[in-house]
Amino acid sequence: MSIRNVAMQAYTNAIQNQQKFDKKFDKTMDLHKPEPNSFAETMTNSIQGVNDLQGQKKQMIEEFASGKTQNVHELMISMQKASVAMTMTSTVRTKVMTAYQEVMKMPF
C-alpha cells in the first residue's frame, strides 16, 4: 500500500467523521428549525389571527348584505372583534417602532 493510498484513506475517514459529527450536532442543537415561541413566530401568528378576523368580518358583511343571514348581533360582534384586533395591532406596531427609534438613538 502506497503512502498516497493511506493518505486518501485517512482523508476519507476524516470527511466521514466530520459528516457524522455535523448530523449529530444538528440533531442535538435542533438547527434549521424555528424556535418555538420566538418573537417572529409570535408576531406571524398574531398578524395571521388579525387577518382571519378581517376575513371573517368581510364574509359576514357580504352574507348580511346579500340576505343570506339576518343575524345583526353576530355581525356587530364580528365587526367589533376585527376593529379591536386591528387597533391593538396598530398600537403594538407604534410601540415597537418607538422602541426601535429609542434604541437607535443610544450612543455606542
Protein backbone atom coordinates (compact mmCIF):
# COMPACT_ATOMS: atom_id res chain seq x y z
CA MET A 1 0.00 0.00 0.00
CA SER A 2 1.47 3.29 -1.01
CA ILE A 3 1.60 6.44 1.11
CA ARG A 4 -0.84 8.10 -1.26
CA ASN A 5 -3.48 5.42 -0.62
CA VAL A 6 -3.02 5.71 3.13
CA ALA A 7 -3.37 9.49 2.95
CA MET A 8 -6.52 9.20 0.81
CA GLN A 9 -8.00 6.68 3.26
CA ALA A 10 -7.25 8.97 6.20
CA TYR A 11 -8.76 11.94 4.35
CA THR A 12 -11.91 9.94 3.53
CA ASN A 13 -12.26 8.82 7.14
CA ALA A 14 -11.88 12.41 8.35
CA ILE A 15 -14.63 13.62 6.00
CA GLN A 16 -16.97 10.82 7.08
CA ASN A 17 -16.32 11.57 10.74
CA GLN A 18 -17.00 15.27 10.15
CA GLN A 19 -20.31 14.48 8.41
CA LYS A 20 -21.36 12.21 11.29
CA PHE A 21 -20.44 14.93 13.77
CA ASP A 22 -22.38 17.56 11.80
CA LYS A 23 -25.51 15.39 11.73
CA LYS A 24 -25.23 14.64 15.43
CA PHE A 25 -24.61 18.32 16.22
CA ASP A 26 -27.59 19.48 14.14
CA LYS A 27 -29.82 16.90 15.79
CA THR A 28 -28.62 17.90 19.24
CA MET A 29 -28.92 21.63 18.67
CA ASP A 30 -32.14 21.37 16.60
CA LEU A 31 -30.68 23.65 13.97
CA HIS A 32 -32.67 24.52 10.87
CA LYS A 33 -35.87 24.57 12.90
CA PRO A 34 -37.58 27.77 14.00
CA GLU A 35 -37.52 28.29 17.72
CA PRO A 36 -40.87 27.68 19.32
CA ASN A 37 -42.39 30.80 20.81
CA SER A 38 -39.87 33.03 19.08
CA PHE A 39 -40.68 36.70 18.55
CA ALA A 40 -41.05 36.22 14.80
CA GLU A 41 -43.35 33.23 15.24
CA THR A 42 -45.47 35.11 17.78
CA MET A 43 -45.80 38.14 15.52
CA THR A 44 -46.63 35.99 12.49
CA ASN A 45 -49.33 34.12 14.39
CA SER A 46 -50.79 37.36 15.78
CA ILE A 47 -50.96 39.02 12.37
CA GLN A 48 -52.48 35.87 10.90
CA GLY A 49 -55.16 35.99 13.62
CA VAL A 50 -55.96 39.61 12.81
CA ASN A 51 -56.14 38.74 9.11
CA ASP A 52 -58.51 35.86 9.88
CA LEU A 53 -60.79 38.18 11.87
CA GLN A 54 -60.82 40.70 9.00
CA GLY A 55 -61.73 37.93 6.54
CA GLN A 56 -64.48 36.66 8.82
CA LYS A 57 -65.87 40.19 9.14
CA LYS A 58 -65.84 40.68 5.39
CA GLN A 59 -67.61 37.37 4.81
CA MET A 60 -70.30 38.15 7.38
CA ILE A 61 -70.91 41.60 5.85
CA GLU A 62 -71.31 40.04 2.40
CA GLU A 63 -73.69 37.39 3.72
CA PHE A 64 -75.74 40.03 5.56
CA ALA A 65 -75.83 42.33 2.54
CA SER A 66 -76.90 39.51 0.23
CA GLY A 67 -79.67 38.44 2.62
CA LYS A 68 -78.24 35.00 3.44
CA THR A 69 -78.25 35.79 7.15
CA GLN A 70 -80.21 38.30 9.20
CA ASN A 71 -78.24 37.97 12.44
CA VAL A 72 -77.25 41.56 13.19
CA HIS A 73 -75.99 40.65 16.65
CA GLU A 74 -73.24 38.31 15.38
CA LEU A 75 -72.37 40.72 12.59
CA MET A 76 -71.81 43.54 15.08
CA ILE A 77 -69.72 41.29 17.33
CA SER A 78 -67.58 40.20 14.37
CA MET A 79 -67.06 43.79 13.28
CA GLN A 80 -66.11 44.86 16.80
CA LYS A 81 -63.65 41.95 17.20
CA ALA A 82 -61.95 42.87 13.93
CA SER A 83 -61.83 46.54 14.91
CA VAL A 84 -60.30 45.84 18.33
CA ALA A 85 -57.74 43.45 16.82
CA MET A 86 -56.71 46.00 14.19
CA THR A 87 -56.46 48.79 16.77
CA MET A 88 -54.33 46.62 19.04
CA THR A 89 -52.06 45.61 16.14
CA SER A 90 -51.60 49.24 15.19
CA THR A 91 -50.81 50.18 18.80
CA VAL A 92 -48.25 47.38 19.14
CA ARG A 93 -46.65 48.43 15.85
CA THR A 94 -46.37 52.02 17.08
CA LYS A 95 -44.80 50.90 20.36
CA VAL A 96 -42.29 48.65 18.58
CA MET A 97 -41.30 51.47 16.23
CA THR A 98 -40.90 53.86 19.17
CA ALA A 99 -38.71 51.34 20.99
CA TYR A 100 -36.62 50.83 17.84
CA GLN A 101 -36.10 54.57 17.45
CA GLU A 102 -35.07 54.87 21.11
CA VAL A 103 -32.54 52.07 20.70
CA MET A 104 -31.13 53.72 17.57
CA LYS A 105 -30.63 56.98 19.49
CA MET A 106 -28.45 55.26 22.10
CA PRO A 107 -24.77 56.12 21.89
CA PHE A 108 -22.40 53.21 21.49
